Amino acid sequence: MLVLDRVSKVFPAQGGLFARGSSVVALKEVSLSVGKGECVGLVGESGSGKTTLTRCILHLDAPTSGRILFEGQDLAHLSAAALRALRARVQIVFQDPYASLNPRMSVHDIVTEPMLIHKDVLGLGARQRTDRAAELLALVGLGPQHLHRYPHEFSGGQRQRIGIARALATNPHLILLDEPTSALDVSVQAQVLNLLVDLQARLGLTYLFISHDLSVIRYVCDRVALIYRGEIVEEGLTERVFDAPESAYARTLLAAMPEVRVTAPPPASP
């Protein structure tokens, strides 16, 4: 479905007319594929190139070299109209549910906005959009009574559910999950992860899951790629990478991964 073929991105040096500086290599010949129905994890520390790669996939930034193909189409060769239509099939769930929802818009308007933007593709009228929004809220564990409320009336986990409903609004083929649980409390993280796993199974979704949390990646993803300083240093089936890492970077990350210990409850008093 998604193929990254030796994608590089170089940002020119910043400065004034006479300033000197080196260009910044954000991505260096990154090759990665995501098959239909897969969940592929992209793991890296801050500054490793995850965000730049995400922006290139969404065609918000153009790669300096290499190709990005989605369902066989090279994004660099698409017209503006074709790119607009493609964006209905590629959606994103953002990291921060507090910042990613417009506080001036109701939940109804937030969830139906993508349907309105892609009206030519989806062909939904006003009543159909409202009905679809109610269906999506039910799908993510909310209800039609939430349609006309505003983001400040919800908890962080509920806001992220609204963000997921918005991402599903255009019936996307691929969803980019950009650290979707990192801003949430631990107990809420588990609920959102279980929701994402359930939605993938029920709807046949394809995910590119971007994270720095290895325990989350191990729980959710079929395959994982580790990115370091703009390069993919290891890629493979999740269990293989976790159980038999080949790169020094993978071993370093796994060594730093906290171990979860389950302690038996104390015996009941007589």
Protein backbone atom coordinates (compact mmCIF):
# COMPACT_ATOMS: atom_id res chain seq x y z
CA MET A 1 0.00 0.00 0.00
CA LEU A 2 2.71 2.48 1.04
CA VAL A 3 6.25 2.24 -0.30
CA LEU A 4 9.13 4.54 0.65
CA ASP A 5 11.96 4.10 -1.82
CA ARG A 6 15.29 5.60 -0.68
CA VAL A 7 13.65 8.78 0.61
CA SER A 8 16.01 11.57 1.67
CA LYS A 9 15.24 15.02 3.01
CA VAL A 10 17.81 17.76 3.41
CA PHE A 11 16.96 21.13 4.91
CA PRO A 12 19.14 24.08 3.87
CA ALA A 13 21.12 25.93 6.49
CA GLN A 14 19.27 28.74 8.23
CA GLY A 15 20.75 32.21 8.54
CA GLY A 16 21.13 35.60 6.97
CA LEU A 17 22.57 36.48 3.62
CA PHE A 18 26.17 36.09 4.78
CA ALA A 19 25.62 33.39 7.37
CA ARG A 20 27.46 30.13 7.02
CA GLY A 21 26.16 26.78 8.12
CA SER A 22 25.73 23.17 7.18
CA SER A 23 22.59 21.72 5.69
CA VAL A 24 20.60 19.40 7.95
CA VAL A 25 20.09 15.85 6.71
CA ALA A 26 16.78 14.84 8.28
CA LEU A 27 16.28 11.62 6.29
CA LYS A 28 18.88 9.53 4.51
CA GLU A 29 17.71 6.97 1.94
CA VAL A 30 14.84 5.62 4.02
CA SER A 31 13.18 2.54 2.50
CA LEU A 32 10.10 1.08 4.14
CA SER A 33 6.84 -0.57 3.08
CA VAL A 34 3.44 -0.95 4.72
CA GLY A 35 1.17 -3.68 3.34
CA LYS A 36 -2.62 -3.64 3.36
CA GLY A 37 -4.00 -4.58 6.77
CA GLU A 38 -0.63 -4.30 8.51
CA CYS A 39 0.37 -2.25 11.50
CA VAL A 40 3.99 -1.17 11.06
CA GLY A 41 5.77 0.64 13.87
CA LEU A 42 8.34 3.38 13.37
CA VAL A 43 10.46 3.86 16.49
CA GLY A 44 13.05 6.49 17.20
CA GLU A 45 14.14 9.05 19.75
CA SER A 46 13.43 12.77 19.44
CA GLY A 47 15.17 14.25 16.41
CA SER A 48 15.50 10.90 14.63
CA GLY A 49 13.40 11.98 11.64
CA LYS A 50 9.99 10.52 12.51
CA THR A 51 8.11 13.80 12.11
CA THR A 52 9.89 14.70 8.87
CA LEU A 53 9.05 11.29 7.43
CA THR A 54 5.41 11.73 8.43
CA ARG A 55 5.27 15.14 6.73
CA CYS A 56 6.78 13.67 3.58
CA ILE A 57 4.21 10.86 3.50
CA LEU A 58 1.43 13.44 3.83
CA HIS A 59 3.19 15.49 1.13
CA LEU A 60 3.42 18.49 3.42
CA ASP A 61 7.15 18.40 2.69
CA ALA A 62 8.61 17.15 -0.58
CA PRO A 63 11.51 14.67 -0.35
CA THR A 64 14.85 15.90 -1.62
CA SER A 65 15.29 12.56 -3.38
CA GLY A 66 13.67 9.16 -3.54
CA ARG A 67 10.05 8.19 -4.13
CA ILE A 68 6.93 7.78 -2.01
CA LEU A 69 4.26 5.58 -3.59
CA PHE A 70 0.77 5.12 -2.22
CA GLU A 71 -1.29 2.39 -3.85
CA GLY A 72 1.10 2.52 -6.79
CA GLN A 73 0.90 6.30 -7.28
CA ASP A 74 4.04 8.41 -6.98
CA LEU A 75 3.07 11.40 -4.84
CA ALA A 76 5.56 13.65 -6.60
CA HIS A 77 3.75 13.22 -9.92
CA LEU A 78 0.19 13.86 -8.76
CA SER A 79 -1.76 16.94 -9.76
CA ALA A 80 -3.26 19.14 -7.07
CA ALA A 81 -6.69 17.60 -7.65
CA ALA A 82 -5.34 14.05 -7.52
CA LEU A 83 -3.39 14.82 -4.35
CA ARG A 84 -6.50 16.26 -2.74
CA ALA A 85 -8.44 13.09 -3.57
CA LEU A 86 -5.61 10.94 -2.23
CA ARG A 87 -5.69 12.74 1.11
CA ALA A 88 -9.17 11.33 1.71
CA ARG A 89 -7.51 7.90 1.77
CA VAL A 90 -4.64 8.86 4.10
CA GLN A 91 -5.52 10.30 7.50
CA ILE A 92 -3.65 11.01 10.72
CA VAL A 93 -4.29 10.84 14.46
CA PHE A 94 -2.15 13.44 16.21
CA GLN A 95 -0.17 13.15 19.41
CA ASP A 96 -1.86 15.79 21.53
CA PRO A 97 -5.67 15.56 21.73
CA TYR A 98 -5.74 18.93 23.51
CA ALA A 99 -4.05 20.76 20.62
CA SER A 100 -5.43 18.82 17.64
CA LEU A 101 -9.11 19.70 18.15
CA ASN A 102 -10.39 23.21 17.42
CA PRO A 103 -11.90 24.48 20.71
CA ARG A 104 -14.35 26.68 18.79
CA MET A 105 -15.87 23.75 16.89
CA SER A 106 -18.43 21.27 18.18
CA VAL A 107 -17.71 17.55 17.96
CA HIS A 108 -20.22 17.38 15.10
CA ASP A 109 -18.31 19.98 13.10
CA ILE A 110 -14.93 18.43 13.93
CA VAL A 111 -15.93 14.95 12.75
CA THR A 112 -17.91 16.09 9.70
CA GLU A 113 -15.33 18.62 8.46
CA PRO A 114 -13.30 15.98 6.54
CA MET A 115 -16.51 14.74 4.92
CA LEU A 116 -17.30 18.28 3.82
CA ILE A 117 -13.78 18.88 2.50
CA HIS A 118 -13.94 15.62 0.52
CA LYS A 119 -17.59 15.96 -0.45
CA ASP A 120 -16.76 15.32 -4.11
CA VAL A 121 -15.18 11.99 -3.19
CA LEU A 122 -17.65 10.83 -0.53
CA GLY A 123 -20.84 12.36 -1.93
CA LEU A 124 -22.53 12.81 1.45
CA GLY A 125 -25.24 15.38 2.07
CA ALA A 126 -25.67 17.32 5.31
CA ARG A 127 -27.99 14.79 6.98
CA GLN A 128 -25.83 11.89 5.85
CA ARG A 129 -22.76 13.56 7.34
CA THR A 130 -24.52 13.98 10.68
CA ASP A 131 -25.66 10.35 10.67
CA ARG A 132 -22.16 9.22 9.78
CA ALA A 133 -20.68 11.31 12.61
CA ALA A 134 -23.04 9.65 15.09
CA GLU A 135 -22.01 6.22 13.77
CA LEU A 136 -18.33 7.07 14.14
CA LEU A 137 -18.77 8.30 17.71
CA ALA A 138 -20.50 5.03 18.59
CA LEU A 139 -17.64 3.16 16.94
CA VAL A 140 -15.06 4.82 19.20
CA GLY A 141 -17.09 4.41 22.38
CA LEU A 142 -18.94 7.74 22.55
CA GLY A 143 -22.55 8.54 21.76
CA PRO A 144 -24.80 10.86 19.72
CA GLN A 145 -25.36 12.98 22.85
CA HIS A 146 -21.74 14.14 22.46
CA LEU A 147 -22.23 15.56 18.96
CA HIS A 148 -23.02 19.11 20.03
CA ARG A 149 -20.53 19.41 22.86
CA TYR A 150 -17.13 21.10 22.64
CA PRO A 151 -13.61 19.71 23.23
CA HIS A 152 -13.18 21.36 26.65
CA GLU A 153 -16.07 19.24 27.95
CA PHE A 154 -14.15 15.97 27.45
CA SER A 155 -11.25 14.17 29.10
CA GLY A 156 -7.99 13.56 27.27
CA GLY A 157 -8.92 10.00 26.37
CA GLN A 158 -12.32 11.09 25.07
CA ARG A 159 -10.70 13.80 22.98
CA GLN A 160 -8.39 11.26 21.42
CA ARG A 161 -11.42 9.11 20.61
CA ILE A 162 -12.89 12.12 18.83
CA GLY A 163 -9.62 12.50 16.91
CA ILE A 164 -9.82 8.84 15.88
CA ALA A 165 -13.44 9.31 14.76
CA ARG A 166 -12.33 12.29 12.66
CA ALA A 167 -9.58 10.21 11.07
CA LEU A 168 -12.12 7.52 10.15
CA ALA A 169 -14.57 10.00 8.62
CA THR A 170 -13.32 9.63 5.03
CA ASN A 171 -13.03 5.82 5.09
CA PRO A 172 -9.23 6.00 4.82
CA HIS A 173 -7.05 3.17 3.53
CA LEU A 174 -4.07 4.22 5.67
CA ILE A 175 -3.96 5.94 9.07
CA LEU A 176 -0.79 7.50 10.45
CA LEU A 177 -0.76 7.26 14.24
CA ASP A 178 1.62 9.93 15.52
CA GLU A 179 2.34 9.03 19.16
CA PRO A 180 -1.43 8.73 19.75
CA THR A 181 -1.17 7.71 23.42
CA SER A 182 1.91 9.54 24.71
CA ALA A 183 -0.08 12.53 26.06
CA LEU A 184 -2.54 10.32 27.95
CA ASP A 185 -2.57 8.81 31.43
CA VAL A 186 -1.35 5.21 31.60
CA SER A 187 -4.78 3.70 32.25
CA VAL A 188 -6.28 5.70 29.39
CA GLN A 189 -3.42 4.69 27.09
CA ALA A 190 -4.45 1.05 27.41
CA GLN A 191 -8.06 1.88 26.54
CA VAL A 192 -7.07 3.83 23.42
CA LEU A 193 -4.63 1.12 22.29
CA ASN A 194 -7.29 -1.55 22.69
CA LEU A 195 -9.68 0.63 20.69
CA LEU A 196 -7.13 0.98 17.86
CA VAL A 197 -6.50 -2.78 17.79
CA ASP A 198 -10.24 -3.46 17.75
CA LEU A 199 -10.88 -0.95 14.96
CA GLN A 200 -8.13 -2.45 12.83
CA ALA A 201 -9.64 -5.92 13.19
CA ARG A 202 -13.21 -4.76 12.55
CA LEU A 203 -12.55 -2.36 9.69
CA GLY A 204 -9.45 -3.89 8.09
CA LEU A 205 -7.43 -0.72 8.67
CA THR A 206 -3.77 -0.20 7.84
CA TYR A 207 -1.61 1.66 10.36
CA LEU A 208 1.80 3.30 10.39
CA PHE A 209 2.31 3.66 14.15
CA ILE A 210 4.95 6.25 15.08
CA SER A 211 6.23 6.08 18.64
CA HIS A 212 9.19 6.11 20.98
CA ASP A 213 7.49 3.65 23.36
CA LEU A 214 8.72 0.13 22.65
CA SER A 215 6.14 -1.55 24.87
CA VAL A 216 3.34 0.06 22.87
CA ILE A 217 4.94 -0.97 19.58
CA ARG A 218 5.35 -4.56 20.75
CA TYR A 219 1.69 -4.74 21.74
CA VAL A 220 0.23 -3.22 18.55
CA CYS A 221 2.56 -3.73 15.59
CA ASP A 222 3.20 -6.63 13.19
CA ARG A 223 6.52 -5.21 12.01
CA VAL A 224 8.81 -2.52 13.36
CA ALA A 225 11.46 -0.23 11.88
CA LEU A 226 14.01 1.60 14.02
CA ILE A 227 15.13 5.02 12.78
CA TYR A 228 18.28 6.73 14.04
CA ARG A 229 19.57 10.07 12.78
CA GLY A 230 17.41 9.82 9.69
CA GLU A 231 18.34 6.25 8.74
CA ILE A 232 16.53 2.95 9.19
CA VAL A 233 18.99 0.87 11.19
CA GLU A 234 16.84 -2.23 11.64
CA GLU A 235 13.52 -3.51 10.34
CA GLY A 236 11.66 -6.78 10.69
CA LEU A 237 8.90 -8.72 12.40
CA THR A 238 8.23 -7.21 15.82
CA GLU A 239 8.96 -10.35 17.83
CA ARG A 240 12.19 -11.00 15.92
CA VAL A 241 13.48 -7.47 16.53
CA PHE A 242 12.58 -7.64 20.22
CA ASP A 243 13.86 -11.17 20.82
CA ALA A 244 16.97 -11.13 18.62
CA PRO A 245 17.97 -7.54 17.77
CA GLU A 246 20.74 -7.25 15.19
CA SER A 247 21.77 -3.59 15.49
CA ALA A 248 23.57 -1.96 18.40
CA TYR A 249 20.90 0.75 18.46
CA ALA A 250 18.12 -1.81 18.86
CA ARG A 251 19.98 -3.49 21.71
CA THR A 252 20.48 -0.10 23.40
CA LEU A 253 16.79 0.76 23.13
CA LEU A 254 15.70 -2.61 24.44
CA ALA A 255 18.14 -2.43 27.35
CA ALA A 256 16.54 0.87 28.36
CA MET A 257 13.00 -0.49 28.09
CA PRO A 258 11.43 -0.74 31.55
CA GLU A 259 10.54 -4.25 32.61
CA VAL A 260 6.98 -4.76 33.74
CA ARG A 261 6.74 -7.03 36.77
CA VAL A 262 3.48 -8.53 37.97
CA THR A 263 3.45 -9.04 41.71
CA ALA A 264 1.12 -11.60 43.25
CA PRO A 265 -1.39 -10.14 45.73
CA PRO A 266 -0.71 -10.81 49.42
CA PRO A 267 -2.54 -13.75 50.95
CA ALA A 268 -5.88 -12.98 52.52
CA SER A 269 -5.82 -12.65 56.28
CA PRO A 270 -7.53 -15.48 58.17
